[in-house]
C-alpha atoms as a PDB file:
ATOM      1  CA  MET A   1      -0.065  -0.195  -0.164  1.00  0.00           C
ATOM      2  CA  LEU A   2       1.249   3.340  -0.613  1.00  0.00           C
ATOM      3  CA  GLU A   3       0.365   6.320   1.378  1.00  0.00           C
ATOM      4  CA  THR A   4      -0.521   9.811   0.218  1.00  0.00           C
ATOM      5  CA  ALA A   5       2.586  11.403   0.859  1.00  0.00           C
ATOM      6  CA  LYS A   6       4.462   8.722  -1.022  1.00  0.00           C
ATOM      7  CA  VAL A   7       1.890   8.962  -4.158  1.00  0.00           C
ATOM      8  CA  ALA A   8       2.336  12.635  -3.831  1.00  0.00           C
ATOM      9  CA  LYS A   9       6.528  12.418  -3.960  1.00  0.00           C
ATOM     10  CA  ILE A  10       6.288   9.412  -6.990  1.00  0.00           C
ATOM     11  CA  THR A  11       3.821  11.751  -9.058  1.00  0.00           C
ATOM     12  CA  GLY A  12       4.625  15.498  -8.241  1.00  0.00           C
ATOM     13  CA  LEU A  13       0.770  15.730  -7.359  1.00  0.00           C
ATOM     14  CA  PRO A  14       0.088  17.775  -4.311  1.00  0.00           C
ATOM     15  CA  ALA A  15      -2.061  15.732  -1.950  1.00  0.00           C
ATOM     16  CA  SER A  16      -4.908  18.051  -2.321  1.00  0.00           C
ATOM     17  CA  THR A  17      -5.160  17.257  -6.276  1.00  0.00           C
ATOM     18  CA  LEU A  18      -5.351  13.561  -4.792  1.00  0.00           C
ATOM     19  CA  ARG A  19      -8.318  14.256  -2.515  1.00  0.00           C
ATOM     20  CA  TYR A  20      -9.724  16.043  -5.546  1.00  0.00           C
ATOM     21  CA  TYR A  21      -9.305  13.177  -7.942  1.00  0.00           C
ATOM     22  CA  GLU A  22     -10.696  11.253  -5.434  1.00  0.00           C
ATOM     23  CA  GLU A  23     -13.844  13.157  -4.369  1.00  0.00           C
ATOM     24  CA  LYS A  24     -14.469  13.026  -8.697  1.00  0.00           C
ATOM     25  CA  GLY A  25     -14.125   9.373  -8.547  1.00  0.00           C
ATOM     26  CA  LEU A  26     -11.215   9.730 -10.882  1.00  0.00           C
ATOM     27  CA  ILE A  27      -9.119   7.285  -8.290  1.00  0.00           C
ATOM     28  CA  LYS A  28      -9.911   5.666  -4.800  1.00  0.00           C
ATOM     29  CA  SER A  29      -8.325   4.724  -1.215  1.00  0.00           C
ATOM     30  CA  VAL A  30      -8.285   1.388  -0.062  1.00  0.00           C
ATOM     31  CA  GLY A  31      -8.117   2.989   3.575  1.00  0.00           C
ATOM     32  CA  ARG A  32      -6.405   5.185   5.847  1.00  0.00           C
ATOM     33  CA  LYS A  33      -3.193   5.288   8.298  1.00  0.00           C
ATOM     34  CA  GLY A  34      -4.136   7.494  10.473  1.00  0.00           C
ATOM     35  CA  LEU A  35      -4.881  10.979   8.506  1.00  0.00           C
ATOM     36  CA  SER A  36      -3.151   9.641   5.413  1.00  0.00           C
ATOM     37  CA  ARG A  37      -5.171   7.968   2.796  1.00  0.00           C
ATOM     38  CA  LEU A  38      -3.883   4.247   1.530  1.00  0.00           C
ATOM     39  CA  PHE A  39      -3.699   3.377  -2.307  1.00  0.00           C
ATOM     40  CA  GLU A  40      -2.889   0.485  -4.229  1.00  0.00           C
ATOM     41  CA  PRO A  41       0.398   0.354  -6.152  1.00  0.00           C
ATOM     42  CA  ASP A  42      -1.723   0.511  -9.412  1.00  0.00           C
ATOM     43  CA  ILE A  43      -2.761   4.354  -8.470  1.00  0.00           C
ATOM     44  CA  ILE A  44       0.440   5.437  -9.993  1.00  0.00           C
ATOM     45  CA  GLU A  45      -0.276   4.075 -13.598  1.00  0.00           C
ATOM     46  CA  GLN A  46      -3.839   5.736 -13.090  1.00  0.00           C
ATOM     47  CA  LEU A  47      -2.179   8.949 -11.932  1.00  0.00           C
ATOM     48  CA  GLU A  48       0.198   8.544 -15.493  1.00  0.00           C
ATOM     49  CA  PHE A  49      -3.082   8.075 -17.208  1.00  0.00           C
ATOM     50  CA  ILE A  50      -5.370  11.064 -15.692  1.00  0.00           C
ATOM     51  CA  ALA A  51      -1.869  13.092 -16.475  1.00  0.00           C
ATOM     52  CA  LEU A  52      -2.006  12.077 -20.478  1.00  0.00           C
ATOM     53  CA  ALA A  53      -5.784  12.804 -20.690  1.00  0.00           C
ATOM     54  CA  ARG A  54      -5.521  16.306 -18.850  1.00  0.00           C
ATOM     55  CA  ILE A  55      -2.528  17.310 -21.295  1.00  0.00           C
ATOM     56  CA  ALA A  56      -4.599  16.023 -24.325  1.00  0.00           C
ATOM     57  CA  ARG A  57      -7.312  18.243 -22.897  1.00  0.00           C
ATOM     58  CA  PHE A  58     -10.021  15.487 -21.522  1.00  0.00           C
ATOM     59  CA  SER A  59     -12.277  16.979 -18.987  1.00  0.00           C
ATOM     60  CA  LEU A  60     -11.822  15.282 -15.884  1.00  0.00           C
ATOM     61  CA  LYS A  61     -15.702  14.155 -16.503  1.00  0.00           C
ATOM     62  CA  ASP A  62     -14.589  12.640 -19.524  1.00  0.00           C
ATOM     63  CA  ILE A  63     -11.733  10.880 -18.089  1.00  0.00           C
ATOM     64  CA  ALA A  64     -13.920   9.559 -15.016  1.00  0.00           C
ATOM     65  CA  ALA A  65     -15.783   7.914 -17.846  1.00  0.00           C
ATOM     66  CA  MET A  66     -12.519   6.291 -18.991  1.00  0.00           C
ATOM     67  CA  PHE A  67     -12.343   4.574 -15.820  1.00  0.00           C
ATOM     68  CA  SER A  68     -14.074   1.180 -15.063  1.00  0.00           C
ATOM     69  CA  ARG A  69     -14.811   0.639 -11.040  1.00  0.00           C
ATOM     70  CA  ASN A  70     -11.740  -1.267 -10.569  1.00  0.00           C
ATOM     71  CA  GLY A  71      -9.731   1.312 -11.780  1.00  0.00           C
ATOM     72  CA  ALA A  72      -8.877   0.052 -15.027  1.00  0.00           C
ATOM     73  CA  TYR A  73      -9.227   2.304 -17.701  1.00  0.00           C
ATOM     74  CA  HIS A  74     -10.931   1.859 -21.462  1.00  0.00           C
ATOM     75  CA  VAL A  75      -9.822   4.377 -24.028  1.00  0.00           C
ATOM     76  CA  ASP A  76     -12.595   4.787 -26.617  1.00  0.00           C
ATOM     77  CA  ARG A  77     -10.504   5.137 -29.856  1.00  0.00           C
ATOM     78  CA  GLN A  78     -12.987   7.104 -31.834  1.00  0.00           C
ATOM     79  CA  LEU A  79     -13.088   9.377 -28.571  1.00  0.00           C
ATOM     80  CA  LEU A  80      -9.468   9.417 -29.528  1.00  0.00           C
ATOM     81  CA  LYS A  81      -9.586  10.632 -32.952  1.00  0.00           C
ATOM     82  CA  GLU A  82     -12.344  13.085 -32.354  1.00  0.00           C
ATOM     83  CA  LYS A  83      -9.972  14.602 -29.687  1.00  0.00           C
ATOM     84  CA  ALA A  84      -7.169  14.467 -32.561  1.00  0.00           C
ATOM     85  CA  LYS A  85      -9.446  16.518 -34.657  1.00  0.00           C
ATOM     86  CA  THR A  86     -10.588  18.788 -32.441  1.00  0.00           C
ATOM     87  CA  LEU A  87      -6.478  19.662 -31.387  1.00  0.00           C
ATOM     88  CA  ASP A  88      -5.432  19.773 -35.169  1.00  0.00           C
ATOM     89  CA  ASP A  89      -8.201  22.642 -35.844  1.00  0.00           C
ATOM     90  CA  GLU A  90      -6.788  24.331 -32.392  1.00  0.00           C
ATOM     91  CA  ILE A  91      -3.066  24.095 -33.841  1.00  0.00           C
ATOM     92  CA  LYS A  92      -4.370  25.780 -36.756  1.00  0.00           C
ATOM     93  CA  ARG A  93      -5.763  28.233 -34.868  1.00  0.00           C
ATOM     94  CA  LEU A  94      -3.010  29.169 -32.980  1.00  0.00           C
ATOM     95  CA  THR A  95      -0.363  28.900 -35.863  1.00  0.00           C
ATOM     96  CA  ALA A  96      -2.697  31.201 -37.462  1.00  0.00           C
ATOM     97  CA  VAL A  97      -2.736  33.783 -34.667  1.00  0.00           C
ATOM     98  CA  ARG A  98       1.114  33.223 -33.730  1.00  0.00           C
ATOM     99  CA  ASP A  99       1.759  34.053 -37.676  1.00  0.00           C
ATOM    100  CA  GLY A 100      -0.384  37.112 -37.179  1.00  0.00           C
ATOM    101  CA  LEU A 101       1.129  38.538 -34.062  1.00  0.00           C
ATOM    102  CA  LEU A 102       4.861  38.070 -35.468  1.00  0.00           C
ATOM    103  CA  HIS A 103       3.617  39.959 -38.419  1.00  0.00           C
ATOM    104  CA  VAL A 104       1.879  42.685 -36.417  1.00  0.00           C
ATOM    105  CA  SER A 105       5.684  43.127 -34.395  1.00  0.00           C
ATOM    106  CA  ASP A 106       7.659  43.492 -37.765  1.00  0.00           C
ATOM    107  CA  CYS A 107       4.821  45.332 -39.801  1.00  0.00           C
ATOM    108  CA  MET A 108       5.799  48.952 -41.365  1.00  0.00           C
ATOM    109  CA  ALA A 109       2.979  50.493 -41.166  1.00  0.00           C
ATOM    110  CA  SER A 110       3.089  53.714 -38.836  1.00  0.00           C
ATOM    111  CA  SER A 111       0.726  52.350 -36.019  1.00  0.00           C
ATOM    112  CA  HIS A 112      -1.314  48.853 -35.557  1.00  0.00           C
ATOM    113  CA  SER A 113      -4.465  50.369 -36.483  1.00  0.00           C
ATOM    114  CA  GLU A 114      -3.331  50.792 -39.930  1.00  0.00           C
ATOM    115  CA  CYS A 115      -1.961  47.243 -40.372  1.00  0.00           C
ATOM    116  CA  PRO A 116      -4.756  45.350 -42.656  1.00  0.00           C
ATOM    117  CA  ARG A 117      -3.700  42.057 -41.217  1.00  0.00           C
ATOM    118  CA  PHE A 118      -3.511  43.461 -37.543  1.00  0.00           C
ATOM    119  CA  GLN A 119      -7.510  44.668 -38.474  1.00  0.00           C
ATOM    120  CA  LYS A 120      -8.123  41.010 -39.687  1.00  0.00           C
ATOM    121  CA  LEU A 121      -6.916  39.507 -36.616  1.00  0.00           C
ATOM    122  CA  LEU A 122      -9.123  41.950 -34.341  1.00  0.00           C
ATOM    123  CA  ARG A 123     -11.963  41.043 -36.631  1.00  0.00           C
ATOM    124  CA  VAL A 124     -11.758  36.677 -36.324  1.00  0.00           C
ATOM    125  CA  ALA A 125     -10.965  37.585 -32.366  1.00  0.00           C
ATOM    126  CA  ALA A 126     -14.392  39.374 -31.916  1.00  0.00           C
ATOM    127  CA  LYS A 127     -16.088  36.566 -34.288  1.00  0.00           C
ATOM    128  CA  LYS A 128     -14.493  33.659 -32.098  1.00  0.00           C
ATOM    129  CA  GLN A 129     -15.283  35.467 -28.852  1.00  0.00           C
ATOM    130  CA  SER A 130     -18.931  35.966 -29.920  1.00  0.00           C
ATOM    131  CA  ARG A 131     -19.448  32.369 -31.171  1.00  0.00           C
ATOM    132  CA  ASP A 132     -18.046  31.185 -28.272  1.00  0.00           C
ATOM    133  CA  LYS A 133     -20.301  33.120 -25.959  1.00  0.00           C
ATOM    134  CA  HIS A 134     -23.141  32.339 -28.015  1.00  0.00           C
ATOM    135  CA  ILE A 135     -21.866  28.384 -27.693  1.00  0.00           C
ATOM    136  CA  ARG A 136     -22.116  28.480 -23.802  1.00  0.00           C
ATOM    137  CA  ASN A 137     -25.220  30.380 -23.326  1.00  0.00           C
ATOM    138  CA  LYS A 138     -26.976  27.667 -25.299  1.00  0.00           C
ATOM    139  CA  VAL A 139     -25.615  24.917 -23.040  1.00  0.00           C
END
């Protein structure tokens, strides 16, 4: 059995994160030793999986759905393909923003307000913000 402090040391996660993950049903302790929670050794792999899923920008709810009651995880391959597509779209958008910012930083126009590319960036950002707000309000 691994105590909370040992799990925290191995994973680099604070005890508060472990408690939060347990509260959200992502992991579960198997007992206590004083005030410290006890975990099975496979908790390390579970936490590594959670870390990878978080890097891939899965929500905690999505991650929780990937775990069975015994702590084993199952990855839906179609869900991975959908997430990869979403990340590709985000990479394209961020690349365009980066390129626009670099252009504006080197733009020869006397002011940013006179730079056509900067003006386009402003319009794109405003549309995205408006679209995101509209989507959030529908949910």
